[in-house]
Amino acid sequence: MPSRTTPPSLFPPPQPASGAWITAHCDGGARGNPGPAGFGALIQASSRHVLAELSEFLGIQTNNFAEYSGLLASLDFALAHRHPRLRVVSDSELMVKQIQGKYQVKSPGLRPLYDQAKQKIAQLEAFEIVHALRHKNKDADRLANQAMDRGMRRS
């Protein structure tokens, strides 16, 4: 069963202001490709208040599957908590450029995840996704590694 490190309810958010953006720093990884995989996402209000830390072990998957899983978890959080504007920061150039429409999705394993992401994005009032270098995404990387650590101890 999937586990998340910190349930969103432990970080009571301020009520979303109309038009306020939240930011999700998300990351995914696999130890081996494919291998034990996990994602992490740190979600913050525009005030930089931490709204949630999400982290989940995904079993044996590819790193790109894990990256998309982090994006989907961030989108699910925004939709479930009625945050209409989401900015995503990811160190996955492939995923960012696919979502931006700059790269095609050629992998049959990623196509359903891409389609799910696009459907969820369409439900938001506004959405941005940007690529960041790994050192600017440390919290999400830490959460993804915690997920993989948890999962590998269970195996």
Protein backbone atom coordinates (compact mmCIF):
# COMPACT_ATOMS: atom_id res chain seq x y z
CA MET A 1 0.00 0.00 0.00
CA PRO A 2 1.37 3.46 -0.87
CA SER A 3 2.53 5.67 1.96
CA ARG A 4 3.12 9.38 2.13
CA THR A 5 5.58 10.87 4.58
CA THR A 6 3.51 13.75 5.85
CA PRO A 7 -0.26 13.85 5.49
CA PRO A 8 -1.37 17.24 4.20
CA SER A 9 -3.60 17.64 7.29
CA LEU A 10 -0.49 18.12 9.47
CA PHE A 11 0.16 21.41 7.70
CA PRO A 12 -3.11 23.31 8.02
CA PRO A 13 -3.02 25.67 5.06
CA PRO A 14 -4.30 29.18 5.03
CA GLN A 15 -7.45 29.39 2.94
CA PRO A 16 -6.46 29.77 -0.70
CA ALA A 17 -6.78 33.35 -1.85
CA SER A 18 -8.56 33.80 -5.12
CA GLY A 19 -5.89 33.93 -7.77
CA ALA A 20 -3.11 32.80 -5.41
CA TRP A 21 -0.52 30.41 -6.82
CA ILE A 22 0.89 27.37 -5.05
CA THR A 23 4.20 25.86 -6.04
CA ALA A 24 5.03 22.16 -6.16
CA HIS A 25 8.68 21.12 -6.28
CA CYS A 26 8.46 17.52 -7.49
CA ASP A 27 10.99 14.81 -8.24
CA GLY A 28 11.03 11.14 -9.01
CA GLY A 29 13.73 8.56 -9.23
CA ALA A 30 14.54 4.90 -9.64
CA ARG A 31 17.53 2.99 -8.37
CA GLY A 32 18.26 1.16 -11.55
CA ASN A 33 16.10 1.92 -14.53
CA PRO A 34 13.75 0.24 -13.98
CA GLY A 35 14.30 -0.34 -10.30
CA PRO A 36 12.85 0.56 -6.89
CA ALA A 37 11.21 3.92 -7.56
CA GLY A 38 9.60 6.74 -5.66
CA PHE A 39 8.56 10.35 -5.91
CA GLY A 40 8.61 13.35 -3.63
CA ALA A 41 6.81 16.67 -3.77
CA LEU A 42 7.07 19.73 -1.54
CA ILE A 43 4.05 21.98 -1.97
CA GLN A 44 4.13 25.58 -0.80
CA ALA A 45 1.77 28.53 -0.71
CA SER A 46 2.84 31.80 -2.29
CA SER A 47 3.98 32.83 1.22
CA ARG A 48 6.37 29.81 1.11
CA HIS A 49 4.32 28.17 3.90
CA VAL A 50 4.64 24.39 3.45
CA LEU A 51 1.23 22.97 2.60
CA ALA A 52 2.32 19.36 2.15
CA GLU A 53 5.23 16.98 1.77
CA LEU A 54 4.24 14.04 -0.39
CA SER A 55 6.37 10.94 -0.81
CA GLU A 56 5.45 7.54 -2.17
CA PHE A 57 7.22 4.29 -3.04
CA LEU A 58 6.10 3.07 -6.46
CA GLY A 59 7.57 -0.43 -6.66
CA ILE A 60 9.75 -1.35 -9.62
CA GLN A 61 9.35 1.42 -12.18
CA THR A 62 11.39 3.70 -14.43
CA ASN A 63 12.69 7.09 -13.40
CA ASN A 64 10.36 8.79 -15.92
CA PHE A 65 7.34 6.96 -14.47
CA ALA A 66 8.40 8.26 -11.04
CA GLU A 67 8.78 11.83 -12.35
CA TYR A 68 5.26 11.75 -13.80
CA SER A 69 3.93 10.26 -10.55
CA GLY A 70 5.28 13.26 -8.65
CA LEU A 71 3.58 15.62 -11.10
CA LEU A 72 0.28 13.72 -10.82
CA ALA A 73 0.42 13.78 -7.01
CA SER A 74 1.00 17.54 -7.11
CA LEU A 75 -1.93 18.04 -9.47
CA ASP A 76 -4.15 15.83 -7.29
CA PHE A 77 -3.21 17.90 -4.24
CA ALA A 78 -4.04 21.19 -5.97
CA LEU A 79 -7.39 19.89 -7.21
CA ALA A 80 -8.38 18.20 -3.94
CA HIS A 81 -7.58 21.31 -1.90
CA ARG A 82 -9.14 23.72 -4.39
CA HIS A 83 -6.00 25.57 -5.36
CA PRO A 84 -6.80 26.82 -8.86
CA ARG A 85 -3.28 27.96 -9.81
CA LEU A 86 -0.33 25.58 -9.73
CA ARG A 87 3.30 26.17 -10.63
CA VAL A 88 5.40 23.00 -10.87
CA VAL A 89 9.19 22.94 -10.60
CA SER A 90 10.91 19.75 -11.77
CA ASP A 91 14.42 18.68 -12.66
CA SER A 92 13.07 16.32 -15.34
CA GLU A 93 13.71 18.11 -18.61
CA LEU A 94 11.93 15.32 -20.51
CA MET A 95 8.70 15.57 -18.52
CA VAL A 96 8.70 19.38 -18.46
CA LYS A 97 9.19 19.64 -22.23
CA GLN A 98 6.57 16.94 -22.89
CA ILE A 99 3.99 18.77 -20.76
CA GLN A 100 4.92 22.06 -22.46
CA GLY A 101 4.37 20.40 -25.85
CA LYS A 102 7.99 20.81 -26.95
CA TYR A 103 8.72 17.06 -26.97
CA GLN A 104 6.51 14.22 -28.16
CA VAL A 105 5.57 11.42 -25.78
CA LYS A 106 6.96 8.39 -27.59
CA SER A 107 7.01 5.90 -24.70
CA PRO A 108 3.83 3.80 -24.52
CA GLY A 109 4.39 3.47 -20.77
CA LEU A 110 4.37 7.24 -20.26
CA ARG A 111 1.47 8.10 -22.58
CA PRO A 112 -1.29 7.26 -20.05
CA LEU A 113 0.48 9.32 -17.37
CA TYR A 114 0.89 12.24 -19.77
CA ASP A 115 -2.81 12.02 -20.71
CA GLN A 116 -3.84 11.96 -17.03
CA ALA A 117 -1.65 14.98 -16.31
CA LYS A 118 -3.12 16.96 -19.22
CA GLN A 119 -6.68 16.13 -18.07
CA LYS A 120 -5.90 17.34 -14.55
CA ILE A 121 -4.13 20.48 -15.81
CA ALA A 122 -7.25 21.34 -17.83
CA GLN A 123 -9.24 21.44 -14.57
CA LEU A 124 -7.04 24.22 -13.16
CA GLU A 125 -7.55 27.92 -13.74
CA ALA A 126 -3.82 28.38 -14.43
CA PHE A 127 -0.78 26.11 -14.69
CA GLU A 128 2.94 26.57 -15.25
CA ILE A 129 5.73 24.03 -15.33
CA VAL A 130 9.41 24.94 -15.30
CA HIS A 131 12.66 23.02 -15.43
CA ALA A 132 15.14 23.56 -12.61
CA LEU A 133 18.58 22.15 -12.07
CA ARG A 134 18.80 19.37 -9.52
CA HIS A 135 20.42 21.53 -6.82
CA LYS A 136 17.34 23.82 -6.88
CA ASN A 137 15.02 20.88 -6.20
CA LYS A 138 16.69 19.40 -3.10
CA ASP A 139 13.61 19.04 -0.89
CA ALA A 140 11.71 17.06 -3.52
CA ASP A 141 14.81 14.91 -4.16
CA ARG A 142 15.08 14.21 -0.42
CA LEU A 143 11.43 13.13 -0.28
CA ALA A 144 11.81 10.87 -3.34
CA ASN A 145 14.86 9.21 -1.79
CA GLN A 146 12.99 8.70 1.49
CA ALA A 147 10.23 6.93 -0.45
CA MET A 148 12.73 4.65 -2.18
CA ASP A 149 14.47 3.93 1.14
CA ARG A 150 11.14 3.00 2.77
CA GLY A 151 10.19 0.73 -0.10
CA MET A 152 13.53 -1.02 -0.32
CA ARG A 153 13.45 -1.91 3.39
CA ARG A 154 10.08 -3.63 2.83
CA SER A 155 11.33 -5.78 -0.03
